[in-house]
PDB file of N, CA and C in Angstrom:
ATOM      1  N   UNK A   1       0.814  -1.122   0.003  1.00  0.00           N
ATOM      2  CA  UNK A   1       0.123  -0.043   0.041  1.00  0.00           C
ATOM      3  C   UNK A   1       0.986   1.221  -0.045  1.00  0.00           C
ATOM      4  N   UNK A   2       1.875   1.175   0.780  1.00  0.00           N
ATOM      5  CA  UNK A   2       2.845   2.377   0.890  1.00  0.00           C
ATOM      6  C   UNK A   2       3.491   2.725  -0.425  1.00  0.00           C
ATOM      7  N   UNK A   3       3.984   1.568  -1.128  1.00  0.00           N
ATOM      8  CA  UNK A   3       4.500   1.782  -2.621  1.00  0.00           C
ATOM      9  C   UNK A   3       3.442   2.465  -3.438  1.00  0.00           C
ATOM     10  N   UNK A   4       2.237   2.064  -3.416  1.00  0.00           N
ATOM     11  CA  UNK A   4       1.260   2.580  -4.284  1.00  0.00           C
ATOM     12  C   UNK A   4       1.040   4.243  -4.025  1.00  0.00           C
ATOM     13  N   UNK A   5       1.070   4.464  -2.597  1.00  0.00           N
ATOM     14  CA  UNK A   5       0.857   6.052  -2.233  1.00  0.00           C
ATOM     15  C   UNK A   5       2.153   6.758  -2.696  1.00  0.00           C
ATOM     16  N   UNK A   6       3.222   6.082  -2.614  1.00  0.00           N
ATOM     17  CA  UNK A   6       4.425   6.858  -3.035  1.00  0.00           C
ATOM     18  C   UNK A   6       4.435   7.071  -4.452  1.00  0.00           C
ATOM     19  N   UNK A   7       3.991   6.062  -5.245  1.00  0.00           N
ATOM     20  CA  UNK A   7       4.005   6.139  -6.607  1.00  0.00           C
ATOM     21  C   UNK A   7       3.137   7.149  -6.967  1.00  0.00           C
ATOM     22  N   UNK A   8       1.866   7.376  -6.440  1.00  0.00           N
ATOM     23  CA  UNK A   8       0.912   8.428  -6.621  1.00  0.00           C
ATOM     24  C   UNK A   8       1.481   9.839  -6.409  1.00  0.00           C
ATOM     25  N   UNK A   9       2.208   9.864  -5.164  1.00  0.00           N
ATOM     26  CA  UNK A   9       2.737  11.250  -4.788  1.00  0.00           C
ATOM     27  C   UNK A   9       3.852  11.480  -5.809  1.00  0.00           C
ATOM     28  N   UNK A  10       4.638  10.617  -6.197  1.00  0.00           N
ATOM     29  CA  UNK A  10       5.667  10.872  -7.186  1.00  0.00           C
ATOM     30  C   UNK A  10       5.147  11.354  -8.465  1.00  0.00           C
ATOM     31  N   UNK A  11       4.148  10.697  -8.878  1.00  0.00           N
ATOM     32  CA  UNK A  11       3.489  11.043 -10.184  1.00  0.00           C
ATOM     33  C   UNK A  11       2.928  12.460 -10.190  1.00  0.00           C
ATOM     34  N   UNK A  12       2.499  12.873  -8.972  1.00  0.00           N
ATOM     35  CA  UNK A  12       1.760  14.184  -8.889  1.00  0.00           C
ATOM     36  C   UNK A  12       2.930  15.257  -8.470  1.00  0.00           C
ATOM     37  N   UNK A  13       4.175  14.733  -8.264  1.00  0.00           N
ATOM     38  CA  UNK A  13       5.046  15.863  -7.871  1.00  0.00           C
ATOM     39  C   UNK A  13       5.208  16.187  -6.353  1.00  0.00           C
ATOM     40  N   UNK A  14       4.500  15.256  -5.400  1.00  0.00           N
ATOM     41  CA  UNK A  14       4.290  15.563  -4.080  1.00  0.00           C
ATOM     42  C   UNK A  14       5.161  14.723  -3.188  1.00  0.00           C
ATOM     43  N   UNK A  15       6.017  13.934  -3.622  1.00  0.00           N
ATOM     44  CA  UNK A  15       6.879  13.100  -2.897  1.00  0.00           C
ATOM     45  C   UNK A  15       8.024  13.820  -2.669  1.00  0.00           C
ATOM     46  N   UNK A  16       8.812  13.441  -1.555  1.00  0.00           N
ATOM     47  CA  UNK A  16       9.860  14.042  -1.156  1.00  0.00           C
ATOM     48  C   UNK A  16      11.235  13.223  -1.430  1.00  0.00           C
ATOM     49  N   UNK A  17      12.246  14.037  -1.946  1.00  0.00           N
ATOM     50  CA  UNK A  17      13.653  13.496  -2.336  1.00  0.00           C
ATOM     51  C   UNK A  17      14.711  14.068  -1.666  1.00  0.00           C
ATOM     52  N   UNK A  18      15.643  13.287  -1.164  1.00  0.00           N
ATOM     53  CA  UNK A  18      16.978  13.881  -0.627  1.00  0.00           C
ATOM     54  C   UNK A  18      17.967  14.058  -1.721  1.00  0.00           C
ATOM     55  N   UNK A  19      18.324  15.279  -2.171  1.00  0.00           N
ATOM     56  CA  UNK A  19      19.015  15.690  -3.356  1.00  0.00           C
ATOM     57  C   UNK A  19      20.528  15.756  -2.411  1.00  0.00           C
ATOM     58  N   UNK A  20      21.591  14.872  -2.850  1.00  0.00           N
ATOM     59  CA  UNK A  20      22.857  14.988  -2.054  1.00  0.00           C
ATOM     60  C   UNK A  20      23.861  15.303  -3.291  1.00  0.00           C
ATOM     61  N   UNK A  21      24.609  16.405  -2.970  1.00  0.00           N
ATOM     62  CA  UNK A  21      25.735  16.705  -3.785  1.00  0.00           C
ATOM     63  C   UNK A  21      27.109  16.549  -3.114  1.00  0.00           C
ATOM     64  N   UNK A  22      27.960  16.186  -3.951  1.00  0.00           N
ATOM     65  CA  UNK A  22      29.367  16.066  -3.425  1.00  0.00           C
ATOM     66  C   UNK A  22      30.317  16.721  -4.447  1.00  0.00           C
ATOM     67  N   UNK A  23      31.302  17.311  -3.986  1.00  0.00           N
ATOM     68  CA  UNK A  23      32.523  17.973  -4.869  1.00  0.00           C
ATOM     69  C   UNK A  23      33.256  17.093  -5.278  1.00  0.00           C
ATOM     70  N   UNK A  24      33.609  15.930  -4.510  1.00  0.00           N
ATOM     71  CA  UNK A  24      34.664  14.965  -4.980  1.00  0.00           C
ATOM     72  C   UNK A  24      34.320  13.584  -4.519  1.00  0.00           C
ATOM     73  N   UNK A  25      33.518  12.879  -5.433  1.00  0.00           N
ATOM     74  CA  UNK A  25      33.500  13.104  -6.832  1.00  0.00           C
ATOM     75  C   UNK A  25      32.408  14.169  -7.108  1.00  0.00           C
ATOM     76  N   UNK A  26      32.243  14.803  -8.018  1.00  0.00           N
ATOM     77  CA  UNK A  26      31.401  15.852  -8.559  1.00  0.00           C
ATOM     78  C   UNK A  26      30.072  14.975  -9.077  1.00  0.00           C
ATOM     79  N   UNK A  27      29.163  14.979  -8.112  1.00  0.00           N
ATOM     80  CA  UNK A  27      27.950  14.278  -8.418  1.00  0.00           C
ATOM     81  C   UNK A  27      26.741  14.773  -7.670  1.00  0.00           C
ATOM     82  N   UNK A  28      25.572  14.419  -8.138  1.00  0.00           N
ATOM     83  CA  UNK A  28      24.304  14.810  -7.678  1.00  0.00           C
ATOM     84  C   UNK A  28      23.596  13.266  -7.319  1.00  0.00           C
ATOM     85  N   UNK A  29      23.245  13.117  -6.221  1.00  0.00           N
ATOM     86  CA  UNK A  29      22.511  11.885  -6.001  1.00  0.00           C
ATOM     87  C   UNK A  29      21.004  12.074  -5.482  1.00  0.00           C
ATOM     88  N   UNK A  30      19.990  11.370  -5.865  1.00  0.00           N
ATOM     89  CA  UNK A  30      18.807  11.610  -5.408  1.00  0.00           C
ATOM     90  C   UNK A  30      18.438  10.234  -4.833  1.00  0.00           C
ATOM     91  N   UNK A  31      17.947  10.409  -3.540  1.00  0.00           N
ATOM     92  CA  UNK A  31      17.407   9.313  -2.754  1.00  0.00           C
ATOM     93  C   UNK A  31      15.934   9.560  -2.480  1.00  0.00           C
ATOM     94  N   UNK A  32      15.054   8.433  -2.676  1.00  0.00           N
ATOM     95  CA  UNK A  32      13.587   8.575  -2.337  1.00  0.00           C
ATOM     96  C   UNK A  32      12.981   7.662  -3.027  1.00  0.00           C
ATOM     97  N   UNK A  33      11.599   7.772  -3.146  1.00  0.00           N
ATOM     98  CA  UNK A  33      10.815   8.820  -2.619  1.00  0.00           C
ATOM     99  C   UNK A  33      10.529   8.620  -1.120  1.00  0.00           C
ATOM    100  N   UNK A  34      10.117   9.688  -0.558  1.00  0.00           N
ATOM    101  CA  UNK A  34       9.647   9.578   0.941  1.00  0.00           C
ATOM    102  C   UNK A  34       8.152  10.332   1.005  1.00  0.00           C
ATOM    103  N   UNK A  35       7.278  10.049   1.781  1.00  0.00           N
ATOM    104  CA  UNK A  35       6.054  10.486   1.940  1.00  0.00           C
ATOM    105  C   UNK A  35       6.006  11.788   2.860  1.00  0.00           C
ATOM    106  N   UNK A  36       7.172  12.059   3.457  1.00  0.00           N
ATOM    107  CA  UNK A  36       7.216  13.159   4.296  1.00  0.00           C
ATOM    108  C   UNK A  36       8.521  13.756   4.343  1.00  0.00           C
ATOM    109  N   UNK A  37       8.744  15.030   4.601  1.00  0.00           N
ATOM    110  CA  UNK A  37       9.817  15.709   4.631  1.00  0.00           C
ATOM    111  C   UNK A  37      10.688  15.106   5.802  1.00  0.00           C
ATOM    112  N   UNK A  38      10.023  14.900   7.129  1.00  0.00           N
ATOM    113  CA  UNK A  38      10.668  14.261   8.206  1.00  0.00           C
ATOM    114  C   UNK A  38      11.246  12.955   7.878  1.00  0.00           C
ATOM    115  N   UNK A  39      10.539  12.223   6.950  1.00  0.00           N
ATOM    116  CA  UNK A  39      11.200  11.017   6.617  1.00  0.00           C
ATOM    117  C   UNK A  39      12.361  11.031   5.972  1.00  0.00           C
ATOM    118  N   UNK A  40      12.518  12.020   4.857  1.00  0.00           N
ATOM    119  CA  UNK A  40      13.589  12.087   4.086  1.00  0.00           C
ATOM    120  C   UNK A  40      14.656  12.760   4.925  1.00  0.00           C
ATOM    121  N   UNK A  41      14.294  13.536   5.985  1.00  0.00           N
ATOM    122  CA  UNK A  41      15.391  14.070   6.777  1.00  0.00           C
ATOM    123  C   UNK A  41      16.144  12.993   7.565  1.00  0.00           C
ATOM    124  N   UNK A  42      15.168  12.048   8.209  1.00  0.00           N
ATOM    125  CA  UNK A  42      15.682  10.920   9.118  1.00  0.00           C
ATOM    126  C   UNK A  42      16.764  10.114   8.121  1.00  0.00           C
ATOM    127  N   UNK A  43      16.404   9.757   7.004  1.00  0.00           N
ATOM    128  CA  UNK A  43      17.178   8.781   6.168  1.00  0.00           C
ATOM    129  C   UNK A  43      18.673   9.571   5.563  1.00  0.00           C
ATOM    130  N   UNK A  44      18.559  10.838   5.431  1.00  0.00           N
ATOM    131  CA  UNK A  44      19.805  11.255   4.887  1.00  0.00           C
ATOM    132  C   UNK A  44      21.149  11.075   5.619  1.00  0.00           C
ATOM    133  N   UNK A  45      21.078  10.766   6.864  1.00  0.00           N
ATOM    134  CA  UNK A  45      22.211  10.498   7.739  1.00  0.00           C
ATOM    135  C   UNK A  45      22.879   9.249   7.084  1.00  0.00           C
ATOM    136  N   UNK A  46      22.235   8.317   7.116  1.00  0.00           N
ATOM    137  CA  UNK A  46      22.664   6.926   6.414  1.00  0.00           C
ATOM    138  C   UNK A  46      23.408   7.213   5.160  1.00  0.00           C
ATOM    139  N   UNK A  47      22.768   7.912   4.230  1.00  0.00           N
ATOM    140  CA  UNK A  47      23.244   8.019   2.806  1.00  0.00           C
ATOM    141  C   UNK A  47      24.561   8.801   2.949  1.00  0.00           C
ATOM    142  N   UNK A  48      24.659   9.835   3.919  1.00  0.00           N
ATOM    143  CA  UNK A  48      25.785  10.645   3.824  1.00  0.00           C
ATOM    144  C   UNK A  48      26.914  10.009   4.570  1.00  0.00           C
ATOM    145  N   UNK A  49      26.642   9.057   5.535  1.00  0.00           N
ATOM    146  CA  UNK A  49      27.621   8.208   6.069  1.00  0.00           C
ATOM    147  C   UNK A  49      28.203   7.217   5.151  1.00  0.00           C
ATOM    148  N   UNK A  50      27.425   6.721   4.326  1.00  0.00           N
ATOM    149  CA  UNK A  50      27.896   5.684   3.260  1.00  0.00           C
ATOM    150  C   UNK A  50      28.836   6.657   2.165  1.00  0.00           C
ATOM    151  N   UNK A  51      28.334   7.693   1.899  1.00  0.00           N
ATOM    152  CA  UNK A  51      29.044   8.475   0.967  1.00  0.00           C
ATOM    153  C   UNK A  51      30.603   8.962   1.424  1.00  0.00           C
ATOM    154  N   UNK A  52      30.538   9.233   2.804  1.00  0.00           N
ATOM    155  CA  UNK A  52      31.662   9.717   3.497  1.00  0.00           C
ATOM    156  C   UNK A  52      32.622   8.478   3.545  1.00  0.00           C
ATOM    157  N   UNK A  53      32.193   7.324   3.960  1.00  0.00           N
ATOM    158  CA  UNK A  53      32.937   6.106   3.940  1.00  0.00           C
ATOM    159  C   UNK A  53      33.690   5.795   2.715  1.00  0.00           C
ATOM    160  N   UNK A  54      33.217   6.345   1.535  1.00  0.00           N
ATOM    161  CA  UNK A  54      33.566   5.927   0.376  1.00  0.00           C
ATOM    162  C   UNK A  54      34.494   7.021  -0.084  1.00  0.00           C
ATOM    163  N   UNK A  55      34.693   8.018   0.927  1.00  0.00           N
ATOM    164  CA  UNK A  55      35.709   9.131   0.441  1.00  0.00           C
ATOM    165  C   UNK A  55      35.138  10.386  -0.024  1.00  0.00           C
ATOM    166  N   UNK A  56      33.809  10.575  -0.219  1.00  0.00           N
ATOM    167  CA  UNK A  56      33.159  11.752  -0.644  1.00  0.00           C
ATOM    168  C   UNK A  56      33.357  12.919   0.158  1.00  0.00           C
ATOM    169  N   UNK A  57      33.490  14.115  -0.528  1.00  0.00           N
ATOM    170  CA  UNK A  57      33.979  15.216   0.172  1.00  0.00           C
ATOM    171  C   UNK A  57      32.856  16.458  -0.189  1.00  0.00           C
ATOM    172  N   UNK A  58      32.728  17.400   0.947  1.00  0.00           N
ATOM    173  CA  UNK A  58      31.807  18.546   0.770  1.00  0.00           C
ATOM    174  C   UNK A  58      30.551  18.218   0.281  1.00  0.00           C
ATOM    175  N   UNK A  59      30.030  17.329   1.139  1.00  0.00           N
ATOM    176  CA  UNK A  59      28.432  16.774   0.994  1.00  0.00           C
ATOM    177  C   UNK A  59      27.451  17.822   1.470  1.00  0.00           C
ATOM    178  N   UNK A  60      26.510  18.131   0.532  1.00  0.00           N
ATOM    179  CA  UNK A  60      25.397  18.914   0.790  1.00  0.00           C
ATOM    180  C   UNK A  60      24.155  18.205   0.517  1.00  0.00           C
ATOM    181  N   UNK A  61      23.320  18.442   1.566  1.00  0.00           N
ATOM    182  CA  UNK A  61      21.823  17.735   1.349  1.00  0.00           C
ATOM    183  C   UNK A  61      20.648  18.829   1.373  1.00  0.00           C
ATOM    184  N   UNK A  62      19.816  18.673   0.462  1.00  0.00           N
ATOM    185  CA  UNK A  62      18.521  19.457   0.517  1.00  0.00           C
ATOM    186  C   UNK A  62      17.455  18.498   0.178  1.00  0.00           C
ATOM    187  N   UNK A  63      16.301  18.781   0.910  1.00  0.00           N
ATOM    188  CA  UNK A  63      15.092  17.875   0.735  1.00  0.00           C
ATOM    189  C   UNK A  63      14.287  18.678  -0.172  1.00  0.00           C
ATOM    190  N   UNK A  64      13.744  18.023  -1.313  1.00  0.00           N
ATOM    191  CA  UNK A  64      12.923  18.458  -2.376  1.00  0.00           C
ATOM    192  C   UNK A  64      11.719  17.789  -2.626  1.00  0.00           C
ATOM    193  N   UNK A  65      10.590  18.678  -2.703  1.00  0.00           N
ATOM    194  CA  UNK A  65       9.422  17.903  -3.113  1.00  0.00           C
ATOM    195  C   UNK A  65       9.118  17.900  -4.657  1.00  0.00           C
ATOM    196  N   UNK A  66       9.114  16.903  -5.273  1.00  0.00           N
ATOM    197  CA  UNK A  66       9.244  16.804  -6.776  1.00  0.00           C
ATOM    198  C   UNK A  66       8.812  15.373  -7.298  1.00  0.00           C
ATOM    199  N   UNK A  67       8.794  15.307  -8.702  1.00  0.00           N
ATOM    200  CA  UNK A  67       8.425  14.119  -9.318  1.00  0.00           C
ATOM    201  C   UNK A  67       9.720  13.364  -9.241  1.00  0.00           C
ATOM    202  N   UNK A  68       9.804  11.987  -9.662  1.00  0.00           N
ATOM    203  CA  UNK A  68      10.809  11.272  -9.566  1.00  0.00           C
ATOM    204  C   UNK A  68      11.904  11.795 -10.795  1.00  0.00           C
ATOM    205  N   UNK A  69      13.290  11.745 -10.225  1.00  0.00           N
ATOM    206  CA  UNK A  69      14.042  12.560 -11.128  1.00  0.00           C
ATOM    207  C   UNK A  69      14.339  11.560 -12.289  1.00  0.00           C
ATOM    208  N   UNK A  70      14.767  11.907 -13.431  1.00  0.00           N
ATOM    209  CA  UNK A  70      14.866  11.113 -14.536  1.00  0.00           C
ATOM    210  C   UNK A  70      16.327  10.304 -14.301  1.00  0.00           C
ATOM    211  N   UNK A  71      17.105  10.673 -13.759  1.00  0.00           N
ATOM    212  CA  UNK A  71      18.473  10.276 -13.395  1.00  0.00           C
ATOM    213  C   UNK A  71      18.532  10.149 -11.816  1.00  0.00           C
ATOM    214  N   UNK A  72      18.903   9.086 -11.105  1.00  0.00           N
ATOM    215  CA  UNK A  72      19.177   9.043  -9.651  1.00  0.00           C
ATOM    216  C   UNK A  72      20.644   9.401  -9.287  1.00  0.00           C
ATOM    217  N   UNK A  73      21.524   9.230 -10.123  1.00  0.00           N
ATOM    218  CA  UNK A  73      22.938   9.740 -10.188  1.00  0.00           C
ATOM    219  C   UNK A  73      23.385  10.549 -11.458  1.00  0.00           C
ATOM    220  N   UNK A  74      23.740  11.713 -11.110  1.00  0.00           N
ATOM    221  CA  UNK A  74      24.223  12.669 -12.202  1.00  0.00           C
ATOM    222  C   UNK A  74      25.755  13.018 -11.901  1.00  0.00           C
ATOM    223  N   UNK A  75      26.365  12.884 -12.979  1.00  0.00           N
ATOM    224  CA  UNK A  75      27.925  13.217 -13.058  1.00  0.00           C
ATOM    225  C   UNK A  75      28.216  13.508 -14.510  1.00  0.00           C
ATOM    226  N   UNK A  76      29.152  14.304 -14.653  1.00  0.00           N
ATOM    227  CA  UNK A  76      29.690  14.707 -16.200  1.00  0.00           C
ATOM    228  C   UNK A  76      30.584  13.413 -16.639  1.00  0.00           C
ATOM    229  N   UNK A  77      31.161  12.880 -15.737  1.00  0.00           N
ATOM    230  CA  UNK A  77      32.185  11.885 -16.187  1.00  0.00           C
ATOM    231  C   UNK A  77      32.232  10.582 -15.265  1.00  0.00           C
ATOM    232  N   UNK A  78      31.699   9.682 -15.881  1.00  0.00           N
ATOM    233  CA  UNK A  78      31.372   8.246 -15.134  1.00  0.00           C
ATOM    234  C   UNK A  78      32.877   7.735 -15.039  1.00  0.00           C
ATOM    235  N   UNK A  79      33.668   7.969 -16.098  1.00  0.00           N
ATOM    236  CA  UNK A  79      34.928   7.248 -16.029  1.00  0.00           C
ATOM    237  C   UNK A  79      35.977   7.565 -14.689  1.00  0.00           C
ATOM    238  N   UNK A  80      35.750   8.931 -14.376  1.00  0.00           N
ATOM    239  CA  UNK A  80      36.569   9.241 -13.232  1.00  0.00           C
ATOM    240  C   UNK A  80      36.026   8.739 -11.881  1.00  0.00           C
ATOM    241  N   UNK A  81      34.779   8.372 -11.736  1.00  0.00           N
ATOM    242  CA  UNK A  81      34.202   7.655 -10.535  1.00  0.00           C
ATOM    243  C   UNK A  81      35.023   6.434 -10.077  1.00  0.00           C
ATOM    244  N   UNK A  82      35.474   5.534 -10.954  1.00  0.00           N
ATOM    245  CA  UNK A  82      36.153   4.459 -10.495  1.00  0.00           C
ATOM    246  C   UNK A  82      35.348   3.549  -9.776  1.00  0.00           C
ATOM    247  N   UNK A  83      35.743   3.404  -8.380  1.00  0.00           N
ATOM    248  CA  UNK A  83      35.117   2.371  -7.358  1.00  0.00           C
ATOM    249  C   UNK A  83      33.682   3.030  -7.134  1.00  0.00           C
ATOM    250  N   UNK A  84      33.481   4.202  -7.273  1.00  0.00           N
ATOM    251  CA  UNK A  84      32.157   5.053  -6.945  1.00  0.00           C
ATOM    252  C   UNK A  84      31.097   4.339  -7.976  1.00  0.00           C
ATOM    253  N   UNK A  85      31.380   3.788  -9.008  1.00  0.00           N
ATOM    254  CA  UNK A  85      30.344   3.593  -9.956  1.00  0.00           C
ATOM    255  C   UNK A  85      29.318   2.466  -9.397  1.00  0.00           C
ATOM    256  N   UNK A  86      29.912   1.670  -8.835  1.00  0.00           N
ATOM    257  CA  UNK A  86      29.243   0.260  -8.458  1.00  0.00           C
ATOM    258  C   UNK A  86      28.453   0.762  -7.175  1.00  0.00           C
ATOM    259  N   UNK A  87      29.160   1.369  -6.221  1.00  0.00           N
ATOM    260  CA  UNK A  87      28.701   1.565  -4.770  1.00  0.00           C
ATOM    261  C   UNK A  87      27.685   2.541  -4.882  1.00  0.00           C
ATOM    262  N   UNK A  88      27.600   3.725  -5.695  1.00  0.00           N
ATOM    263  CA  UNK A  88      26.677   4.596  -5.741  1.00  0.00           C
ATOM    264  C   UNK A  88      25.512   3.861  -6.344  1.00  0.00           C
ATOM    265  N   UNK A  89      25.436   3.183  -7.342  1.00  0.00           N
ATOM    266  CA  UNK A  89      24.213   2.530  -7.766  1.00  0.00           C
ATOM    267  C   UNK A  89      23.872   1.640  -6.580  1.00  0.00           C
ATOM    268  N   UNK A  90      24.274   1.008  -6.067  1.00  0.00           N
ATOM    269  CA  UNK A  90      23.947   0.053  -4.945  1.00  0.00           C
ATOM    270  C   UNK A  90      23.191   0.743  -3.922  1.00  0.00           C
ATOM    271  N   UNK A  91      23.679   1.880  -3.520  1.00  0.00           N
ATOM    272  CA  UNK A  91      23.119   2.725  -2.648  1.00  0.00           C
ATOM    273  C   UNK A  91      21.827   3.193  -2.910  1.00  0.00           C
ATOM    274  N   UNK A  92      21.670   3.689  -4.213  1.00  0.00           N
ATOM    275  CA  UNK A  92      20.479   4.264  -4.581  1.00  0.00           C
ATOM    276  C   UNK A  92      19.407   3.351  -4.700  1.00  0.00           C
ATOM    277  N   UNK A  93      19.798   1.970  -5.079  1.00  0.00           N
ATOM    278  CA  UNK A  93      18.629   0.935  -5.277  1.00  0.00           C
ATOM    279  C   UNK A  93      18.248   0.535  -4.049  1.00  0.00           C
ATOM    280  N   UNK A  94      19.008   0.745  -3.063  1.00  0.00           N
ATOM    281  CA  UNK A  94      18.442   0.171  -1.594  1.00  0.00           C
ATOM    282  C   UNK A  94      17.355   0.901  -1.068  1.00  0.00           C
TER     283      UNK A  94
END
């Protein structure tokens, strides 16, 4: 039932997403959807901890109410990510 509700909220642009940007590597990650801003805020810590453990630097988090992003990981150069490529995809799929 929760998945159906999140799907509806997402299609209407009413779901919450954690947008996490890092300077090194230069990426934008979207995690979600969440049914409330509070739920998204509670979850962000785990995502940031994972990114820090992988060596990410200058992590910034914003919570956005939006439709599902077309891409969950955005970067200009996948080749420079090296070890990040697999781990970021795994984190997003979780």
